[in-house]
Each structure stands twice: as C-alpha cells, then as structure tokens.
Amino acid sequence: MKDNLPEKQGMVMDRICTDVIFCFIFVVFCVGMVGISGYALAMGDPMAVLTPFDSDGNRCGYPDQTMYVDPVTGLNETRDFTEYKFKVFTNLDLLLK
C-alpha cells in the first residue's frame, strides 16, 4: 500500500503568509472588546450583575426599593433591604415552574 503513495520532494513553495492578516483581525477584535466593555461599564450598572435578587425582584443589601405602586394614587411603598444582604427565596413555587 505504501508503494502506491506519491512521495513529496521537499517543502511546497507556493505558500503565502496569512499570520499578518489574522493578527490584524485579532487586534481589531481585542480593541472592539475593550471598547464595548468600557461603554458597558460607563452606561450600565455592573452591580446589578453581581448583586443577588430575592424572589420578589428586590436587590439584597440596597435601601429604598419600590415594593408597590398604587395605581389610583400613584404612591410608592418603599422598603429598606440594607439588613438583608443575602438572597432569600420567599416564593419557591416560582423556582419549580
């Protein structure tokens, strides 16, 4: 079987260098990622990703969160969650659905 395979005589000379092109594409990608990350940190709230929420949607450890808005009067009921720094699920039925 090995006798039927053609033998290569040295290195193939009709090759081109693509490393420069892909290096440029990689640098553009890295610059884009840094730009998008900077924009996200400047315009967004990174603590919303790191802060746990309870099953009612309240941020644990943060003060003055709106619990209820009365549709007739428009008054807000707020609650202070600075004493509750850890995540607690009060309605476990939401997790089972």
Protein backbone atom coordinates (compact mmCIF):
# COMPACT_ATOMS: atom_id res chain seq x y z
CA MET A 1 0.00 0.00 0.00
CA LYS A 2 2.73 2.48 0.86
CA ASP A 3 4.37 1.95 -2.51
CA ASN A 4 1.39 3.48 -4.34
CA LEU A 5 1.53 6.85 -2.49
CA PRO A 6 3.37 9.65 -4.26
CA GLU A 7 6.37 10.98 -2.42
CA LYS A 8 6.74 14.68 -1.75
CA GLN A 9 10.05 16.13 -2.72
CA GLY A 10 10.70 18.78 -0.04
CA MET A 11 8.59 21.74 1.00
CA VAL A 12 5.77 23.10 -1.15
CA MET A 13 6.89 26.54 -2.34
CA ASP A 14 3.58 28.12 -3.40
CA ARG A 15 2.60 29.17 0.14
CA ILE A 16 1.55 32.60 1.42
CA CYS A 17 1.74 34.18 4.86
CA THR A 18 -1.68 34.68 6.48
CA ASP A 19 -0.42 35.38 10.00
CA VAL A 20 -0.33 39.16 9.45
CA ILE A 21 -3.96 39.25 8.29
CA PHE A 22 -5.23 37.19 11.22
CA CYS A 23 -3.08 39.16 13.68
CA PHE A 24 -4.72 42.36 12.42
CA ILE A 25 -8.20 40.81 12.75
CA PHE A 26 -7.37 39.66 16.31
CA VAL A 27 -6.12 43.14 17.31
CA VAL A 28 -9.30 44.73 15.91
CA PHE A 29 -11.36 42.20 17.87
CA CYS A 30 -9.47 42.97 21.11
CA VAL A 31 -9.87 46.73 20.64
CA GLY A 32 -13.58 46.23 19.99
CA MET A 33 -13.98 44.15 23.15
CA VAL A 34 -12.23 46.80 25.25
CA GLY A 35 -14.44 49.49 23.71
CA ILE A 36 -17.66 47.56 24.32
CA SER A 37 -16.59 46.72 27.89
CA GLY A 38 -15.80 50.37 28.63
CA TYR A 39 -19.13 51.50 27.22
CA ALA A 40 -20.99 48.86 29.26
CA LEU A 41 -19.25 49.86 32.48
CA ALA A 42 -19.86 53.57 31.87
CA MET A 43 -23.53 53.32 30.87
CA GLY A 44 -24.70 50.25 32.78
CA ASP A 45 -24.85 49.06 36.37
CA PRO A 46 -22.26 46.31 36.93
CA MET A 47 -23.52 45.75 40.46
CA ALA A 48 -26.85 44.57 39.02
CA VAL A 49 -24.99 41.52 37.72
CA LEU A 50 -23.15 40.88 41.00
CA THR A 51 -25.98 41.69 43.44
CA PRO A 52 -28.38 38.88 44.31
CA PHE A 53 -32.12 39.39 43.97
CA ASP A 54 -34.83 37.74 46.04
CA SER A 55 -37.88 36.05 44.53
CA ASP A 56 -39.81 39.34 44.58
CA GLY A 57 -37.16 41.13 42.49
CA ASN A 58 -35.63 43.18 45.33
CA ARG A 59 -31.88 43.79 45.34
CA CYS A 60 -30.39 42.37 48.52
CA GLY A 61 -28.49 44.90 50.63
CA TYR A 62 -29.81 48.06 48.92
CA PRO A 63 -32.01 50.76 50.52
CA ASP A 64 -35.26 52.35 49.35
CA GLN A 65 -36.60 49.90 46.81
CA THR A 66 -40.10 50.28 45.47
CA MET A 67 -42.25 47.42 46.69
CA TYR A 68 -45.66 48.55 45.45
CA VAL A 69 -47.08 51.37 43.35
CA ASP A 70 -50.75 52.15 43.97
CA PRO A 71 -52.37 52.60 40.54
CA VAL A 72 -55.00 55.04 41.85
CA THR A 73 -52.92 57.37 43.99
CA GLY A 74 -49.52 56.70 42.43
CA LEU A 75 -47.91 56.44 45.88
CA ASN A 76 -44.88 54.19 46.24
CA GLU A 77 -44.29 51.87 49.13
CA THR A 78 -40.54 51.50 49.66
CA ARG A 79 -38.59 49.12 51.85
CA ASP A 80 -35.03 49.19 53.14
CA PHE A 81 -33.06 45.99 52.37
CA THR A 82 -29.70 47.00 53.88
CA GLU A 83 -30.18 44.48 56.70
CA TYR A 84 -30.82 41.67 54.19
CA LYS A 85 -27.54 41.15 52.32
CA PHE A 86 -28.15 37.55 51.27
CA LYS A 87 -30.53 36.04 48.75
CA VAL A 88 -33.74 34.56 50.15
CA PHE A 89 -36.48 32.88 48.13
CA THR A 90 -39.84 33.53 49.72
CA ASN A 91 -41.94 32.04 46.92
CA LEU A 92 -40.45 28.68 45.97
CA ASP A 93 -43.29 27.92 43.53
CA LEU A 94 -41.58 30.26 41.03
CA LEU A 95 -38.49 28.04 41.01
CA LEU A 96 -40.42 24.86 40.29
CA LYS A 97 -42.14 26.18 37.14
